[in-house]
Each structure stands twice: as structure tokens, then as C-alpha cells.
Amino acid sequence: MEIRLTSELEAHLAALAARAGRSAAELVQEAVAEWEARQAERLAPTRPQHSLAEAAARIRELRKGNMLPAGATIKDLINYGRA
């Protein structure tokens, strides 16, 4: 495969390769491999997807036992820390 680069980009690639002590082709291959790995990470689901019913059940389960302190209201919690 042949890739056409501007002269500035080709010079920059050659300088990077020389600094790394590798050929420009090796540097490009490594860059493409790194890009593919990042794309795979970005496209992979980060957590399992749940149905709406499963999500609602999980929220209800997490809420069990959560009680407001005696005498406190939701409004008190909203206004807590406001000046």
C-alpha cells in the first residue's frame, strides 16, 4: 500500500522515526495498531446493558433501607449547605 503525505508531514514522520531509532514504516504500523486498539476500547460497551425493568428493580433494591433522619424532609436535604 502506498500513502501520499505532504512533504512537511513526511519530514515530521522521518524525524519521529529517527528519534525513535526505527523506520517510518514501523512507526506507522505501530500508530495504526494503537489507533485500532483505542477504537475497539471506545466502541466496546463499558458496562452491561439492562432492560428498563431490570434497571428499575435495581434502583428499588438499592433504595431499600434508605430512610431520612428523624425530623428531616426532602426539602431540608435540598437546601442543606445553601447559604
PDB file of N, CA and C in Angstrom:
ATOM      1  N   MET A   1       0.849  -1.174   0.000  1.00  0.00           N
ATOM      2  CA  MET A   1       0.000   0.000   0.000  1.00  0.00           C
ATOM      3  C   MET A   1       0.891   1.233   0.000  1.00  0.00           C
ATOM      4  N   GLU A   2       0.422   2.234  -0.670  1.00  0.00           N
ATOM      5  CA  GLU A   2       1.173   3.491  -0.732  1.00  0.00           C
ATOM      6  C   GLU A   2       0.306   4.598  -0.152  1.00  0.00           C
ATOM      7  N   ILE A   3       0.914   5.410   0.683  1.00  0.00           N
ATOM      8  CA  ILE A   3       0.213   6.531   1.299  1.00  0.00           C
ATOM      9  C   ILE A   3       0.918   7.803   0.877  1.00  0.00           C
ATOM     10  N   ARG A   4       0.170   8.763   0.423  1.00  0.00           N
ATOM     11  CA  ARG A   4       0.753  10.034  -0.011  1.00  0.00           C
ATOM     12  C   ARG A   4       0.689  11.028   1.140  1.00  0.00           C
ATOM     13  N   LEU A   5       1.834  11.582   1.470  1.00  0.00           N
ATOM     14  CA  LEU A   5       1.936  12.556   2.546  1.00  0.00           C
ATOM     15  C   LEU A   5       2.483  13.862   1.988  1.00  0.00           C
ATOM     16  N   THR A   6       2.132  14.946   2.644  1.00  0.00           N
ATOM     17  CA  THR A   6       2.745  16.218   2.268  1.00  0.00           C
ATOM     18  C   THR A   6       4.213  16.157   2.639  1.00  0.00           C
ATOM     19  N   SER A   7       5.012  16.999   2.041  1.00  0.00           N
ATOM     20  CA  SER A   7       6.445  16.975   2.336  1.00  0.00           C
ATOM     21  C   SER A   7       6.711  17.314   3.798  1.00  0.00           C
ATOM     22  N   GLU A   8       5.895  18.206   4.365  1.00  0.00           N
ATOM     23  CA  GLU A   8       6.076  18.566   5.781  1.00  0.00           C
ATOM     24  C   GLU A   8       5.773  17.371   6.682  1.00  0.00           C
ATOM     25  N   LEU A   9       4.690  16.669   6.385  1.00  0.00           N
ATOM     26  CA  LEU A   9       4.313  15.516   7.192  1.00  0.00           C
ATOM     27  C   LEU A   9       5.319  14.384   7.027  1.00  0.00           C
ATOM     28  N   GLU A  10       5.811  14.213   5.823  1.00  0.00           N
ATOM     29  CA  GLU A  10       6.815  13.176   5.584  1.00  0.00           C
ATOM     30  C   GLU A  10       8.098  13.488   6.348  1.00  0.00           C
ATOM     31  N   ALA A  11       8.502  14.756   6.372  1.00  0.00           N
ATOM     32  CA  ALA A  11       9.691  15.154   7.126  1.00  0.00           C
ATOM     33  C   ALA A  11       9.472  14.955   8.617  1.00  0.00           C
ATOM     34  N   HIS A  12       8.275  15.278   9.086  1.00  0.00           N
ATOM     35  CA  HIS A  12       7.959  15.087  10.511  1.00  0.00           C
ATOM     36  C   HIS A  12       7.994  13.608  10.882  1.00  0.00           C
ATOM     37  N   LEU A  13       7.438  12.772  10.029  1.00  0.00           N
ATOM     38  CA  LEU A  13       7.447  11.328  10.271  1.00  0.00           C
ATOM     39  C   LEU A  13       8.873  10.795  10.276  1.00  0.00           C
ATOM     40  N   ALA A  14       9.694  11.255   9.358  1.00  0.00           N
ATOM     41  CA  ALA A  14      11.096  10.824   9.306  1.00  0.00           C
ATOM     42  C   ALA A  14      11.839  11.251  10.566  1.00  0.00           C
ATOM     43  N   ALA A  15      11.559  12.467  11.046  1.00  0.00           N
ATOM     44  CA  ALA A  15      12.206  12.944  12.278  1.00  0.00           C
ATOM     45  C   ALA A  15      11.767  12.112  13.477  1.00  0.00           C
ATOM     46  N   LEU A  16      10.475  11.805  13.561  1.00  0.00           N
ATOM     47  CA  LEU A  16       9.983  10.969  14.663  1.00  0.00           C
ATOM     48  C   LEU A  16      10.620   9.577  14.622  1.00  0.00           C
ATOM     49  N   ALA A  17      10.706   9.021  13.430  1.00  0.00           N
ATOM     50  CA  ALA A  17      11.295   7.690  13.278  1.00  0.00           C
ATOM     51  C   ALA A  17      12.768   7.704  13.664  1.00  0.00           C
ATOM     52  N   ALA A  18      13.481   8.741  13.255  1.00  0.00           N
ATOM     53  CA  ALA A  18      14.904   8.838  13.593  1.00  0.00           C
ATOM     54  C   ALA A  18      15.085   8.975  15.103  1.00  0.00           C
ATOM     55  N   ARG A  19      14.233   9.780  15.735  1.00  0.00           N
ATOM     56  CA  ARG A  19      14.311   9.955  17.194  1.00  0.00           C
ATOM     57  C   ARG A  19      14.026   8.646  17.917  1.00  0.00           C
ATOM     58  N   ALA A  20      13.111   7.855  17.369  1.00  0.00           N
ATOM     59  CA  ALA A  20      12.749   6.582  17.998  1.00  0.00           C
ATOM     60  C   ALA A  20      13.715   5.466  17.606  1.00  0.00           C
ATOM     61  N   GLY A  21      14.569   5.724  16.616  1.00  0.00           N
ATOM     62  CA  GLY A  21      15.513   4.700  16.173  1.00  0.00           C
ATOM     63  C   GLY A  21      14.826   3.574  15.424  1.00  0.00           C
ATOM     64  N   ARG A  22      13.767   3.895  14.715  1.00  0.00           N
ATOM     65  CA  ARG A  22      13.001   2.894  13.979  1.00  0.00           C
ATOM     66  C   ARG A  22      12.720   3.418  12.581  1.00  0.00           C
ATOM     67  N   SER A  23      12.212   2.555  11.748  1.00  0.00           N
ATOM     68  CA  SER A  23      11.861   3.003  10.399  1.00  0.00           C
ATOM     69  C   SER A  23      10.504   3.686  10.430  1.00  0.00           C
ATOM     70  N   ALA A  24      10.272   4.504   9.426  1.00  0.00           N
ATOM     71  CA  ALA A  24       8.985   5.198   9.329  1.00  0.00           C
ATOM     72  C   ALA A  24       7.850   4.191   9.184  1.00  0.00           C
ATOM     73  N   ALA A  25       8.092   3.116   8.437  1.00  0.00           N
ATOM     74  CA  ALA A  25       7.061   2.086   8.244  1.00  0.00           C
ATOM     75  C   ALA A  25       6.679   1.446   9.580  1.00  0.00           C
ATOM     76  N   GLU A  26       7.682   1.147  10.418  1.00  0.00           N
ATOM     77  CA  GLU A  26       7.396   0.559  11.736  1.00  0.00           C
ATOM     78  C   GLU A  26       6.576   1.520  12.589  1.00  0.00           C
ATOM     79  N   LEU A  27       6.938   2.791  12.519  1.00  0.00           N
ATOM     80  CA  LEU A  27       6.236   3.800  13.301  1.00  0.00           C
ATOM     81  C   LEU A  27       4.774   3.914  12.859  1.00  0.00           C
ATOM     82  N   VAL A  28       4.528   3.889  11.565  1.00  0.00           N
ATOM     83  CA  VAL A  28       3.167   3.975  11.045  1.00  0.00           C
ATOM     84  C   VAL A  28       2.375   2.730  11.437  1.00  0.00           C
ATOM     85  N   GLN A  29       2.993   1.559  11.337  1.00  0.00           N
ATOM     86  CA  GLN A  29       2.308   0.320  11.721  1.00  0.00           C
ATOM     87  C   GLN A  29       1.920   0.355  13.195  1.00  0.00           C
ATOM     88  N   GLU A  30       2.824   0.829  14.036  1.00  0.00           N
ATOM     89  CA  GLU A  30       2.527   0.918  15.469  1.00  0.00           C
ATOM     90  C   GLU A  30       1.395   1.922  15.728  1.00  0.00           C
ATOM     91  N   ALA A  31       1.411   3.033  15.008  1.00  0.00           N
ATOM     92  CA  ALA A  31       0.372   4.049  15.182  1.00  0.00           C
ATOM     93  C   ALA A  31      -0.994   3.507  14.770  1.00  0.00           C
ATOM     94  N   VAL A  32      -1.032   2.763  13.674  1.00  0.00           N
ATOM     95  CA  VAL A  32      -2.297   2.183  13.226  1.00  0.00           C
ATOM     96  C   VAL A  32      -2.795   1.149  14.230  1.00  0.00           C
ATOM     97  N   ALA A  33      -1.899   0.332  14.746  1.00  0.00           N
ATOM     98  CA  ALA A  33      -2.287  -0.672  15.750  1.00  0.00           C
ATOM     99  C   ALA A  33      -2.828   0.004  17.010  1.00  0.00           C
ATOM    100  N   GLU A  34      -2.172   1.075  17.437  1.00  0.00           N
ATOM    101  CA  GLU A  34      -2.638   1.814  18.619  1.00  0.00           C
ATOM    102  C   GLU A  34      -4.008   2.434  18.362  1.00  0.00           C
ATOM    103  N   TRP A  35      -4.200   2.991  17.178  1.00  0.00           N
ATOM    104  CA  TRP A  35      -5.487   3.577  16.826  1.00  0.00           C
ATOM    105  C   TRP A  35      -6.581   2.524  16.844  1.00  0.00           C
ATOM    106  N   GLU A  36      -6.297   1.343  16.283  1.00  0.00           N
ATOM    107  CA  GLU A  36      -7.289   0.262  16.283  1.00  0.00           C
ATOM    108  C   GLU A  36      -7.643  -0.155  17.701  1.00  0.00           C
ATOM    109  N   ALA A  37      -6.645  -0.242  18.579  1.00  0.00           N
ATOM    110  CA  ALA A  37      -6.899  -0.620  19.974  1.00  0.00           C
ATOM    111  C   ALA A  37      -7.786   0.416  20.661  1.00  0.00           C
ATOM    112  N   ARG A  38      -7.508   1.687  20.428  1.00  0.00           N
ATOM    113  CA  ARG A  38      -8.318   2.745  21.042  1.00  0.00           C
ATOM    114  C   ARG A  38      -9.747   2.735  20.498  1.00  0.00           C
ATOM    115  N   GLN A  39      -9.898   2.487  19.207  1.00  0.00           N
ATOM    116  CA  GLN A  39     -11.237   2.407  18.623  1.00  0.00           C
ATOM    117  C   GLN A  39     -12.011   1.243  19.231  1.00  0.00           C
ATOM    118  N   ALA A  40     -11.352   0.105  19.396  1.00  0.00           N
ATOM    119  CA  ALA A  40     -12.017  -1.060  19.982  1.00  0.00           C
ATOM    120  C   ALA A  40     -12.449  -0.758  21.416  1.00  0.00           C
ATOM    121  N   GLU A  41     -11.594  -0.077  22.174  1.00  0.00           N
ATOM    122  CA  GLU A  41     -11.938   0.306  23.548  1.00  0.00           C
ATOM    123  C   GLU A  41     -13.134   1.248  23.560  1.00  0.00           C
ATOM    124  N   ARG A  42     -13.115   2.221  22.656  1.00  0.00           N
ATOM    125  CA  ARG A  42     -14.162   3.232  22.617  1.00  0.00           C
ATOM    126  C   ARG A  42     -15.501   2.637  22.223  1.00  0.00           C
ATOM    127  N   LEU A  43     -15.473   1.657  21.342  1.00  0.00           N
ATOM    128  CA  LEU A  43     -16.711   1.070  20.846  1.00  0.00           C
ATOM    129  C   LEU A  43     -17.233  -0.062  21.716  1.00  0.00           C
ATOM    130  N   ALA A  44     -16.379  -0.601  22.587  1.00  0.00           N
ATOM    131  CA  ALA A  44     -16.795  -1.710  23.454  1.00  0.00           C
ATOM    132  C   ALA A  44     -17.734  -1.184  24.536  1.00  0.00           C
ATOM    133  N   PRO A  45     -18.775  -1.939  24.853  1.00  0.00           N
ATOM    134  CA  PRO A  45     -19.672  -1.489  25.926  1.00  0.00           C
ATOM    135  C   PRO A  45     -18.915  -1.463  27.253  1.00  0.00           C
ATOM    136  N   THR A  46     -19.090  -0.388  28.000  1.00  0.00           N
ATOM    137  CA  THR A  46     -18.367  -0.229  29.254  1.00  0.00           C
ATOM    138  C   THR A  46     -19.009  -0.995  30.400  1.00  0.00           C
ATOM    139  N   ARG A  47     -20.293  -1.185  30.321  1.00  0.00           N
ATOM    140  CA  ARG A  47     -20.968  -1.973  31.346  1.00  0.00           C
ATOM    141  C   ARG A  47     -22.141  -2.696  30.688  1.00  0.00           C
ATOM    142  N   PRO A  48     -22.607  -3.726  31.323  1.00  0.00           N
ATOM    143  CA  PRO A  48     -23.695  -4.483  30.702  1.00  0.00           C
ATOM    144  C   PRO A  48     -24.956  -3.638  30.573  1.00  0.00           C
ATOM    145  N   GLN A  49     -25.657  -3.835  29.482  1.00  0.00           N
ATOM    146  CA  GLN A  49     -26.900  -3.105  29.254  1.00  0.00           C
ATOM    147  C   GLN A  49     -28.055  -3.880  29.892  1.00  0.00           C
ATOM    148  N   HIS A  50     -28.902  -3.160  30.617  1.00  0.00           N
ATOM    149  CA  HIS A  50     -30.039  -3.775  31.284  1.00  0.00           C
ATOM    150  C   HIS A  50     -31.328  -3.250  30.676  1.00  0.00           C
ATOM    151  N   SER A  51     -32.359  -4.041  30.778  1.00  0.00           N
ATOM    152  CA  SER A  51     -33.669  -3.569  30.333  1.00  0.00           C
ATOM    153  C   SER A  51     -34.175  -2.536  31.340  1.00  0.00           C
ATOM    154  N   LEU A  52     -35.193  -1.792  30.949  1.00  0.00           N
ATOM    155  CA  LEU A  52     -35.756  -0.796  31.853  1.00  0.00           C
ATOM    156  C   LEU A  52     -36.281  -1.442  33.125  1.00  0.00           C
ATOM    157  N   ALA A  53     -36.901  -2.591  32.994  1.00  0.00           N
ATOM    158  CA  ALA A  53     -37.446  -3.279  34.175  1.00  0.00           C
ATOM    159  C   ALA A  53     -36.318  -3.699  35.120  1.00  0.00           C
ATOM    160  N   GLU A  54     -35.222  -4.198  34.556  1.00  0.00           N
ATOM    161  CA  GLU A  54     -34.080  -4.598  35.397  1.00  0.00           C
ATOM    162  C   GLU A  54     -33.472  -3.388  36.096  1.00  0.00           C
ATOM    163  N   ALA A  55     -33.361  -2.272  35.375  1.00  0.00           N
ATOM    164  CA  ALA A  55     -32.804  -1.059  35.963  1.00  0.00           C
ATOM    165  C   ALA A  55     -33.700  -0.548  37.091  1.00  0.00           C
ATOM    166  N   ALA A  56     -35.006  -0.536  36.868  1.00  0.00           N
ATOM    167  CA  ALA A  56     -35.932  -0.084  37.905  1.00  0.00           C
ATOM    168  C   ALA A  56     -35.870  -0.988  39.128  1.00  0.00           C
ATOM    169  N   ALA A  57     -35.795  -2.291  38.917  1.00  0.00           N
ATOM    170  CA  ALA A  57     -35.695  -3.235  40.036  1.00  0.00           C
ATOM    171  C   ALA A  57     -34.414  -2.997  40.819  1.00  0.00           C
ATOM    172  N   ARG A  58     -33.332  -2.715  40.116  1.00  0.00           N
ATOM    173  CA  ARG A  58     -32.050  -2.456  40.795  1.00  0.00           C
ATOM    174  C   ARG A  58     -32.137  -1.179  41.628  1.00  0.00           C
ATOM    175  N   ILE A  59     -32.764  -0.147  41.093  1.00  0.00           N
ATOM    176  CA  ILE A  59     -32.911   1.104  41.847  1.00  0.00           C
ATOM    177  C   ILE A  59     -33.746   0.864  43.096  1.00  0.00           C
ATOM    178  N   ARG A  60     -34.850   0.112  42.952  1.00  0.00           N
ATOM    179  CA  ARG A  60     -35.678  -0.187  44.126  1.00  0.00           C
ATOM    180  C   ARG A  60     -34.883  -0.962  45.172  1.00  0.00           C
ATOM    181  N   GLU A  61     -34.061  -1.913  44.715  1.00  0.00           N
ATOM    182  CA  GLU A  61     -33.255  -2.719  45.635  1.00  0.00           C
ATOM    183  C   GLU A  61     -32.241  -1.831  46.373  1.00  0.00           C
ATOM    184  N   LEU A  62     -31.634  -0.916  45.658  1.00  0.00           N
ATOM    185  CA  LEU A  62     -30.648  -0.030  46.283  1.00  0.00           C
ATOM    186  C   LEU A  62     -31.287   0.925  47.281  1.00  0.00           C
ATOM    187  N   ARG A  63     -32.552   1.277  47.057  1.00  0.00           N
ATOM    188  CA  ARG A  63     -33.243   2.212  47.943  1.00  0.00           C
ATOM    189  C   ARG A  63     -33.715   1.565  49.232  1.00  0.00           C
ATOM    190  N   LYS A  64     -33.780   0.250  49.279  1.00  0.00           N
ATOM    191  CA  LYS A  64     -34.276  -0.427  50.480  1.00  0.00           C
ATOM    192  C   LYS A  64     -33.430  -0.023  51.681  1.00  0.00           C
ATOM    193  N   GLY A  65     -34.096   0.359  52.720  1.00  0.00           N
ATOM    194  CA  GLY A  65     -33.403   0.688  53.963  1.00  0.00           C
ATOM    195  C   GLY A  65     -32.918   2.128  54.022  1.00  0.00           C
ATOM    196  N   ASN A  66     -33.012   2.872  52.943  1.00  0.00           N
ATOM    197  CA  ASN A  66     -32.608   4.279  52.972  1.00  0.00           C
ATOM    198  C   ASN A  66     -33.748   5.094  53.563  1.00  0.00           C
ATOM    199  N   MET A  67     -33.497   5.664  54.699  1.00  0.00           N
ATOM    200  CA  MET A  67     -34.524   6.446  55.396  1.00  0.00           C
ATOM    201  C   MET A  67     -33.962   7.830  55.691  1.00  0.00           C
ATOM    202  N   LEU A  68     -34.852   8.813  55.715  1.00  0.00           N
ATOM    203  CA  LEU A  68     -34.438  10.154  56.105  1.00  0.00           C
ATOM    204  C   LEU A  68     -34.203  10.172  57.608  1.00  0.00           C
ATOM    205  N   PRO A  69     -33.263  10.995  58.054  1.00  0.00           N
ATOM    206  CA  PRO A  69     -33.075  11.128  59.505  1.00  0.00           C
ATOM    207  C   PRO A  69     -34.360  11.642  60.149  1.00  0.00           C
ATOM    208  N   ALA A  70     -34.541  11.332  61.411  1.00  0.00           N
ATOM    209  CA  ALA A  70     -35.758  11.745  62.124  1.00  0.00           C
ATOM    210  C   ALA A  70     -35.938  13.256  62.023  1.00  0.00           C
ATOM    211  N   GLY A  71     -37.128  13.678  61.621  1.00  0.00           N
ATOM    212  CA  GLY A  71     -37.452  15.099  61.543  1.00  0.00           C
ATOM    213  C   GLY A  71     -36.980  15.771  60.258  1.00  0.00           C
ATOM    214  N   ALA A  72     -36.225  15.094  59.397  1.00  0.00           N
ATOM    215  CA  ALA A  72     -35.723  15.709  58.162  1.00  0.00           C
ATOM    216  C   ALA A  72     -36.723  15.515  57.037  1.00  0.00           C
ATOM    217  N   THR A  73     -36.719  16.458  56.104  1.00  0.00           N
ATOM    218  CA  THR A  73     -37.570  16.355  54.926  1.00  0.00           C
ATOM    219  C   THR A  73     -36.688  16.417  53.683  1.00  0.00           C
ATOM    220  N   ILE A  74     -37.274  16.069  52.563  1.00  0.00           N
ATOM    221  CA  ILE A  74     -36.546  16.161  51.295  1.00  0.00           C
ATOM    222  C   ILE A  74     -36.119  17.608  51.062  1.00  0.00           C
ATOM    223  N   LYS A  75     -36.999  18.548  51.377  1.00  0.00           N
ATOM    224  CA  LYS A  75     -36.671  19.966  51.208  1.00  0.00           C
ATOM    225  C   LYS A  75     -35.458  20.342  52.050  1.00  0.00           C
ATOM    226  N   ASP A  76     -35.350  19.803  53.265  1.00  0.00           N
ATOM    227  CA  ASP A  76     -34.182  20.070  54.114  1.00  0.00           C
ATOM    228  C   ASP A  76     -32.905  19.579  53.422  1.00  0.00           C
ATOM    229  N   LEU A  77     -32.976  18.396  52.809  1.00  0.00           N
ATOM    230  CA  LEU A  77     -31.809  17.863  52.132  1.00  0.00           C
ATOM    231  C   LEU A  77     -31.438  18.697  50.917  1.00  0.00           C
ATOM    232  N   ILE A  78     -32.427  19.169  50.191  1.00  0.00           N
ATOM    233  CA  ILE A  78     -32.175  20.009  49.009  1.00  0.00           C
ATOM    234  C   ILE A  78     -31.477  21.306  49.433  1.00  0.00           C
ATOM    235  N   ASN A  79     -31.954  21.882  50.527  1.00  0.00           N
ATOM    236  CA  ASN A  79     -31.426  23.182  50.956  1.00  0.00           C
ATOM    237  C   ASN A  79     -30.168  23.059  51.823  1.00  0.00           C
ATOM    238  N   TYR A  80     -29.768  21.855  52.172  1.00  0.00           N
ATOM    239  CA  TYR A  80     -28.590  21.649  53.012  1.00  0.00           C
ATOM    240  C   TYR A  80     -27.357  22.261  52.353  1.00  0.00           C
ATOM    241  N   GLY A  81     -26.655  23.088  53.053  1.00  0.00           N
ATOM    242  CA  GLY A  81     -25.417  23.669  52.541  1.00  0.00           C
ATOM    243  C   GLY A  81     -25.603  24.948  51.745  1.00  0.00           C
ATOM    244  N   ARG A  82     -26.839  25.312  51.465  1.00  0.00           N
ATOM    245  CA  ARG A  82     -27.069  26.572  50.757  1.00  0.00           C
ATOM    246  C   ARG A  82     -26.978  27.724  51.745  1.00  0.00           C
ATOM    247  N   ALA A  83     -26.433  28.808  51.302  1.00  0.00           N
ATOM    248  CA  ALA A  83     -26.279  29.954  52.201  1.00  0.00           C
ATOM    249  C   ALA A  83     -27.491  30.832  52.192  1.00  0.00           C
TER     250      ALA A  83
END
